[in-house]
Amino acid sequence: EQASEEVSKSLQAMKEILCGTTDKEPPTEIVAQLAQELYNSGLLVTLIANLQLIDFEGKKDVSQIFNNILRRQIGTRSPTVEYISAHPHILFMLLKGYESPNIALRCGIMLRECIRHEPLAKIVLFSEQFRDFFKYVEMSTFDIASDAFATFKDLLTRHKLLVAEFLEQNYDAIFEDYEKLLHSENYVTKRQSLKLLGELILDRHNFAIMTKYISKPENLKLMMNLLRDKSPNIQFEAFHVFKVFVASPNKTQPIVEILLKNQPKLIEFLSNFQKERTDDEQFTDEKNYLIKQIRDLKKP
């Protein structure tokens, strides 16, 4: 108990040095000294490795100290980003934090702060451990699963060129795992995953990914099934992915065949699809456009 109290006091003192107090700015020289000590002594690593042992307020202080020191810049340099790049196991300790309920959300806050920096996002994206996200976003504790999804989404949307390169290199493995999320029993996971998929394939940086995704008949079949999901929200998100298949001017032969085979059914289905969305003009226009596209399809 005594040790725990001392740790908490020291963390509070450190936080005051880094963040200043209401009436005084943090002193630059002392901040620089403290940062240097945190690197040299390995304390940054020790704090994360032992986050479980620190009391509730102390855990909050650790995440504030970590995020504050991560944002610190000297000219164009970010010393903590350089430090973590040289000690990447820090990132994987934070990621593994999702497996421990009492530190998961704190680790999430620190990991998202890391991801804001492209060199650190790159380490996580191109690591073996990236695929652990598919497990974390399906966790039974709602708060942890949601937090993991927020980090997952950040990783896949923040640094556009990096993500495009990553998805192109790892397309098969990633989309195989991603498909499982679209079949999830968990409504929230399923909806968020669909929404994120729509965002990814409609992003102009991911043109090559979109082209590949909409060339596969099994992806179109999955979206057609999701259009009939019992949840209107899931139907709506599926519609935004489905429209890319139909609106594409360069449809592959198998895609054209599926659309032709279901032509009358699809026209009837879309005509009655979510009619209650009367105030959403864009949606109505898109729906009418798709109906026209499907109606105009000819056998090659």
Protein backbone atom coordinates (compact mmCIF):
# COMPACT_ATOMS: atom_id res chain seq x y z
CA GLU A 1 0.00 0.00 0.00
CA GLN A 2 2.77 2.39 0.94
CA ALA A 3 4.61 1.66 -2.33
CA SER A 4 1.38 2.19 -4.26
CA GLU A 5 0.86 5.60 -2.58
CA GLU A 6 4.41 6.67 -3.38
CA VAL A 7 3.99 5.65 -7.02
CA SER A 8 0.77 7.67 -7.24
CA LYS A 9 2.44 10.75 -5.72
CA SER A 10 5.38 10.50 -8.12
CA LEU A 11 3.04 10.12 -11.10
CA GLN A 12 1.11 13.20 -10.00
CA ALA A 13 4.34 15.20 -9.66
CA MET A 14 5.45 14.06 -13.11
CA LYS A 15 2.11 15.04 -14.61
CA GLU A 16 2.42 18.51 -13.07
CA ILE A 17 5.90 18.98 -14.56
CA LEU A 18 4.68 17.93 -18.02
CA CYS A 19 1.29 19.62 -18.12
CA GLY A 20 1.94 22.56 -15.82
CA THR A 21 -0.73 23.76 -13.39
CA THR A 22 -3.60 26.20 -13.88
CA ASP A 23 -1.42 29.17 -12.96
CA LYS A 24 1.94 28.20 -14.49
CA GLU A 25 3.23 26.84 -17.78
CA PRO A 26 5.40 23.69 -17.75
CA PRO A 27 9.11 24.69 -17.51
CA THR A 28 10.76 23.68 -20.82
CA GLU A 29 14.13 22.71 -19.40
CA ILE A 30 12.71 20.50 -16.66
CA VAL A 31 10.30 18.88 -19.15
CA ALA A 32 13.28 18.05 -21.39
CA GLN A 33 15.15 16.57 -18.41
CA LEU A 34 12.17 14.48 -17.33
CA ALA A 35 11.62 13.20 -20.87
CA GLN A 36 15.27 12.21 -21.16
CA GLU A 37 15.10 10.36 -17.83
CA LEU A 38 11.94 8.53 -18.92
CA TYR A 39 13.82 7.22 -21.98
CA ASN A 40 17.15 6.51 -20.29
CA SER A 41 15.75 4.71 -17.25
CA GLY A 42 13.26 2.70 -19.30
CA LEU A 43 10.52 3.98 -16.97
CA LEU A 44 8.09 4.54 -19.84
CA VAL A 45 8.25 0.82 -20.61
CA THR A 46 8.06 -0.15 -16.91
CA LEU A 47 4.92 1.94 -16.36
CA ILE A 48 3.09 0.27 -19.24
CA ALA A 49 4.32 -3.20 -18.33
CA ASN A 50 3.01 -2.72 -14.76
CA LEU A 51 -0.10 -0.68 -15.47
CA GLN A 52 -2.21 -3.40 -13.80
CA LEU A 53 -0.54 -2.71 -10.43
CA ILE A 54 -1.21 1.04 -10.41
CA ASP A 55 -4.37 2.42 -8.79
CA PHE A 56 -7.25 3.94 -10.78
CA GLU A 57 -6.12 7.59 -10.63
CA GLY A 58 -2.54 6.50 -11.26
CA LYS A 59 -3.57 4.69 -14.46
CA LYS A 60 -5.18 7.93 -15.67
CA ASP A 61 -1.98 9.81 -14.85
CA VAL A 62 0.15 7.27 -16.76
CA SER A 63 -1.94 7.71 -19.92
CA GLN A 64 -1.79 11.51 -19.61
CA ILE A 65 1.99 11.48 -19.06
CA PHE A 66 2.46 9.07 -21.98
CA ASN A 67 0.26 11.05 -24.40
CA ASN A 68 1.75 14.36 -23.36
CA ILE A 69 5.33 13.23 -23.85
CA LEU A 70 4.39 11.62 -27.16
CA ARG A 71 3.16 14.97 -28.51
CA ARG A 72 6.34 16.76 -27.44
CA GLN A 73 8.32 18.24 -30.32
CA ILE A 74 11.75 19.76 -30.68
CA GLY A 75 11.67 21.65 -33.96
CA THR A 76 10.43 19.09 -36.44
CA ARG A 77 11.54 16.12 -34.33
CA SER A 78 9.28 14.05 -32.10
CA PRO A 79 11.71 12.42 -29.65
CA THR A 80 9.16 10.02 -28.12
CA VAL A 81 8.05 8.82 -31.54
CA GLU A 82 11.71 8.10 -32.31
CA TYR A 83 12.09 6.34 -28.95
CA ILE A 84 9.02 4.11 -29.49
CA SER A 85 10.10 3.37 -33.09
CA ALA A 86 13.32 2.00 -31.60
CA HIS A 87 11.38 0.08 -28.90
CA PRO A 88 8.33 -1.18 -30.84
CA HIS A 89 7.41 -3.70 -28.13
CA ILE A 90 5.81 -0.71 -26.33
CA LEU A 91 3.14 -0.65 -29.06
CA PHE A 92 2.49 -4.37 -28.75
CA MET A 93 2.22 -4.14 -24.95
CA LEU A 94 -0.46 -1.49 -25.43
CA LEU A 95 -2.25 -3.61 -28.02
CA LYS A 96 -2.17 -6.64 -25.75
CA GLY A 97 -3.75 -4.46 -23.07
CA TYR A 98 -7.11 -5.19 -24.73
CA GLU A 99 -6.88 -8.65 -23.15
CA SER A 100 -6.91 -7.21 -19.61
CA PRO A 101 -10.25 -5.59 -18.74
CA ASN A 102 -8.92 -3.27 -16.03
CA ILE A 103 -6.36 -1.57 -18.33
CA ALA A 104 -7.91 -2.08 -21.79
CA LEU A 105 -9.42 1.40 -22.17
CA ARG A 106 -6.31 3.19 -20.87
CA CYS A 107 -4.14 1.21 -23.29
CA GLY A 108 -6.58 2.11 -26.10
CA ILE A 109 -6.20 5.84 -25.36
CA MET A 110 -2.39 5.57 -25.51
CA LEU A 111 -2.39 3.36 -28.60
CA ARG A 112 -4.60 5.78 -30.54
CA GLU A 113 -2.26 8.62 -29.63
CA CYS A 114 0.62 6.54 -31.06
CA ILE A 115 -1.32 5.87 -34.27
CA ARG A 116 -1.55 9.60 -34.98
CA HIS A 117 2.14 9.33 -35.89
CA GLU A 118 2.66 7.58 -39.22
CA PRO A 119 5.94 5.77 -38.32
CA LEU A 120 4.19 4.14 -35.32
CA ALA A 121 1.00 3.35 -37.26
CA LYS A 122 3.18 1.63 -39.86
CA ILE A 123 4.82 -0.62 -37.24
CA VAL A 124 1.41 -1.81 -35.98
CA LEU A 125 -0.17 -2.19 -39.44
CA PHE A 126 2.63 -4.28 -40.91
CA SER A 127 3.04 -6.47 -37.81
CA GLU A 128 1.80 -10.01 -37.18
CA GLN A 129 -0.14 -8.61 -34.22
CA PHE A 130 -2.37 -6.42 -36.40
CA ARG A 131 -4.64 -9.42 -36.97
CA ASP A 132 -5.36 -9.57 -33.23
CA PHE A 133 -7.76 -6.66 -33.82
CA PHE A 134 -10.20 -9.05 -35.47
CA LYS A 135 -10.38 -10.89 -32.15
CA TYR A 136 -10.52 -7.76 -29.95
CA VAL A 137 -13.38 -6.07 -31.81
CA GLU A 138 -15.50 -9.18 -31.15
CA MET A 139 -14.86 -9.26 -27.39
CA SER A 140 -17.88 -9.82 -25.19
CA THR A 141 -17.33 -6.66 -23.12
CA PHE A 142 -19.06 -3.91 -25.10
CA ASP A 143 -16.79 -1.03 -23.95
CA ILE A 144 -13.60 -2.92 -24.82
CA ALA A 145 -14.88 -4.15 -28.19
CA SER A 146 -15.99 -0.59 -29.10
CA ASP A 147 -12.67 0.89 -28.03
CA ALA A 148 -10.75 -1.73 -30.01
CA PHE A 149 -12.90 -0.94 -33.05
CA ALA A 150 -12.18 2.79 -32.68
CA THR A 151 -8.43 2.02 -32.74
CA PHE A 152 -8.84 -0.42 -35.65
CA LYS A 153 -10.75 2.19 -37.65
CA ASP A 154 -8.15 4.85 -36.88
CA LEU A 155 -5.40 2.57 -38.14
CA LEU A 156 -7.25 1.92 -41.41
CA THR A 157 -8.31 5.48 -42.18
CA ARG A 158 -5.81 7.99 -40.75
CA HIS A 159 -2.75 7.68 -43.03
CA LYS A 160 -4.29 7.20 -46.48
CA LEU A 161 -1.24 6.32 -48.60
CA LEU A 162 0.22 4.02 -45.96
CA VAL A 163 -3.10 2.18 -45.60
CA ALA A 164 -3.52 1.80 -49.37
CA GLU A 165 -0.05 0.24 -49.59
CA PHE A 166 -0.81 -2.05 -46.63
CA LEU A 167 -4.17 -3.23 -48.02
CA GLU A 168 -2.74 -3.88 -51.47
CA GLN A 169 0.09 -5.97 -50.03
CA ASN A 170 -2.13 -7.94 -47.63
CA TYR A 171 -5.43 -7.97 -49.48
CA ASP A 172 -6.28 -11.69 -49.28
CA ALA A 173 -5.44 -12.22 -45.62
CA ILE A 174 -7.11 -9.02 -44.42
CA PHE A 175 -10.33 -9.40 -46.37
CA GLU A 176 -10.65 -13.04 -45.38
CA ASP A 177 -10.64 -11.94 -41.73
CA TYR A 178 -12.81 -8.93 -42.51
CA GLU A 179 -15.50 -11.11 -44.04
CA LYS A 180 -15.90 -12.88 -40.68
CA LEU A 181 -16.78 -9.52 -39.11
CA LEU A 182 -19.52 -9.05 -41.71
CA HIS A 183 -20.99 -12.38 -40.61
CA SER A 184 -20.69 -11.48 -36.93
CA GLU A 185 -23.48 -12.37 -34.52
CA ASN A 186 -22.77 -9.06 -32.79
CA TYR A 187 -25.00 -6.36 -34.30
CA VAL A 188 -22.68 -3.45 -33.39
CA THR A 189 -19.56 -5.14 -34.81
CA LYS A 190 -21.42 -6.05 -37.99
CA ARG A 191 -22.77 -2.55 -38.52
CA GLN A 192 -19.47 -0.78 -37.75
CA SER A 193 -17.56 -3.18 -40.01
CA LEU A 194 -19.95 -2.58 -42.91
CA LYS A 195 -19.74 1.17 -42.46
CA LEU A 196 -15.95 1.06 -42.37
CA LEU A 197 -15.87 -1.18 -45.46
CA GLY A 198 -17.97 1.41 -47.32
CA GLU A 199 -15.60 4.15 -46.21
CA LEU A 200 -12.53 2.17 -47.30
CA ILE A 201 -13.71 1.22 -50.78
CA LEU A 202 -15.10 4.69 -51.51
CA ASP A 203 -11.82 6.39 -50.59
CA ARG A 204 -10.02 7.44 -53.79
CA HIS A 205 -6.65 6.34 -52.32
CA ASN A 206 -7.99 2.78 -52.22
CA PHE A 207 -9.05 2.62 -55.87
CA ALA A 208 -7.05 -0.58 -56.50
CA ILE A 209 -8.62 -2.24 -53.44
CA MET A 210 -12.12 -1.18 -54.51
CA THR A 211 -11.56 -2.55 -58.03
CA LYS A 212 -10.44 -5.88 -56.61
CA TYR A 213 -13.24 -6.07 -54.05
CA ILE A 214 -16.06 -5.36 -56.52
CA SER A 215 -14.72 -7.87 -59.05
CA LYS A 216 -15.49 -10.83 -56.74
CA PRO A 217 -18.95 -12.40 -57.11
CA GLU A 218 -18.93 -13.76 -53.53
CA ASN A 219 -18.65 -10.17 -52.22
CA LEU A 220 -21.66 -9.08 -54.26
CA LYS A 221 -23.68 -12.08 -53.01
CA LEU A 222 -22.80 -11.19 -49.42
CA MET A 223 -24.00 -7.59 -49.89
CA MET A 224 -27.23 -8.79 -51.52
CA ASN A 225 -27.86 -10.96 -48.47
CA LEU A 226 -27.08 -8.10 -46.10
CA LEU A 227 -29.56 -5.88 -47.98
CA ARG A 228 -32.20 -8.25 -46.58
CA ASP A 229 -30.85 -8.22 -43.01
CA LYS A 230 -33.47 -7.81 -40.28
CA SER A 231 -31.84 -4.56 -39.14
CA PRO A 232 -32.67 -1.49 -41.30
CA ASN A 233 -29.32 0.07 -40.27
CA ILE A 234 -27.36 -2.91 -41.55
CA GLN A 235 -29.42 -2.90 -44.77
CA PHE A 236 -28.59 0.79 -45.20
CA GLU A 237 -24.82 0.28 -44.72
CA ALA A 238 -24.92 -2.72 -47.10
CA PHE A 239 -26.66 -0.52 -49.69
CA HIS A 240 -23.65 1.85 -49.71
CA VAL A 241 -21.32 -1.03 -50.57
CA PHE A 242 -23.78 -2.68 -53.00
CA LYS A 243 -24.11 0.55 -55.02
CA VAL A 244 -20.39 0.45 -55.86
CA PHE A 245 -20.84 -2.93 -57.60
CA VAL A 246 -23.77 -1.65 -59.66
CA ALA A 247 -22.46 1.83 -60.44
CA SER A 248 -19.03 0.65 -61.60
CA PRO A 249 -18.60 1.15 -65.37
CA ASN A 250 -16.13 -1.76 -65.54
CA LYS A 251 -18.08 -4.67 -64.10
CA THR A 252 -16.50 -8.09 -64.45
CA GLN A 253 -18.37 -10.81 -66.32
CA PRO A 254 -19.40 -12.79 -63.19
CA ILE A 255 -20.81 -9.61 -61.58
CA VAL A 256 -22.87 -8.77 -64.68
CA GLU A 257 -24.20 -12.34 -64.74
CA ILE A 258 -25.39 -12.20 -61.12
CA LEU A 259 -27.09 -8.84 -61.67
CA LEU A 260 -28.76 -10.07 -64.88
CA LYS A 261 -29.89 -13.30 -63.26
CA ASN A 262 -31.60 -11.31 -60.49
CA GLN A 263 -32.62 -8.34 -62.65
CA PRO A 264 -36.42 -8.33 -62.14
CA LYS A 265 -36.13 -9.24 -58.45
CA LEU A 266 -33.55 -6.53 -57.79
CA ILE A 267 -35.60 -3.84 -59.54
CA GLU A 268 -38.67 -4.76 -57.51
CA PHE A 269 -36.67 -5.03 -54.28
CA LEU A 270 -34.94 -1.65 -54.70
CA SER A 271 -38.21 0.06 -55.67
CA ASN A 272 -39.59 -0.83 -52.24
CA PHE A 273 -36.31 -0.61 -50.32
CA GLN A 274 -36.48 1.64 -47.21
CA LYS A 275 -39.30 3.76 -48.62
CA GLU A 276 -39.69 5.39 -45.21
CA ARG A 277 -36.45 7.35 -45.78
CA THR A 278 -38.42 10.11 -47.49
CA ASP A 279 -36.29 12.99 -46.19
CA ASP A 280 -33.01 11.58 -47.54
CA GLU A 281 -32.87 12.92 -51.09
CA GLN A 282 -29.41 11.62 -51.84
CA PHE A 283 -30.47 8.09 -50.90
CA THR A 284 -33.57 8.30 -53.12
CA ASP A 285 -31.49 9.59 -56.05
CA GLU A 286 -28.90 6.84 -55.60
CA LYS A 287 -31.61 4.19 -55.41
CA ASN A 288 -33.25 5.45 -58.62
CA TYR A 289 -29.87 5.55 -60.33
CA LEU A 290 -29.18 1.90 -59.37
CA ILE A 291 -32.61 0.80 -60.58
CA LYS A 292 -31.90 2.45 -63.93
CA GLN A 293 -28.44 0.85 -64.13
CA ILE A 294 -29.86 -2.61 -63.42
CA ARG A 295 -32.76 -2.11 -65.84
CA ASP A 296 -30.36 -1.06 -68.63
CA LEU A 297 -28.11 -4.11 -68.22
CA LYS A 298 -27.95 -6.19 -71.39
CA LYS A 299 -26.74 -9.72 -71.91
CA PRO A 300 -23.22 -9.40 -73.35
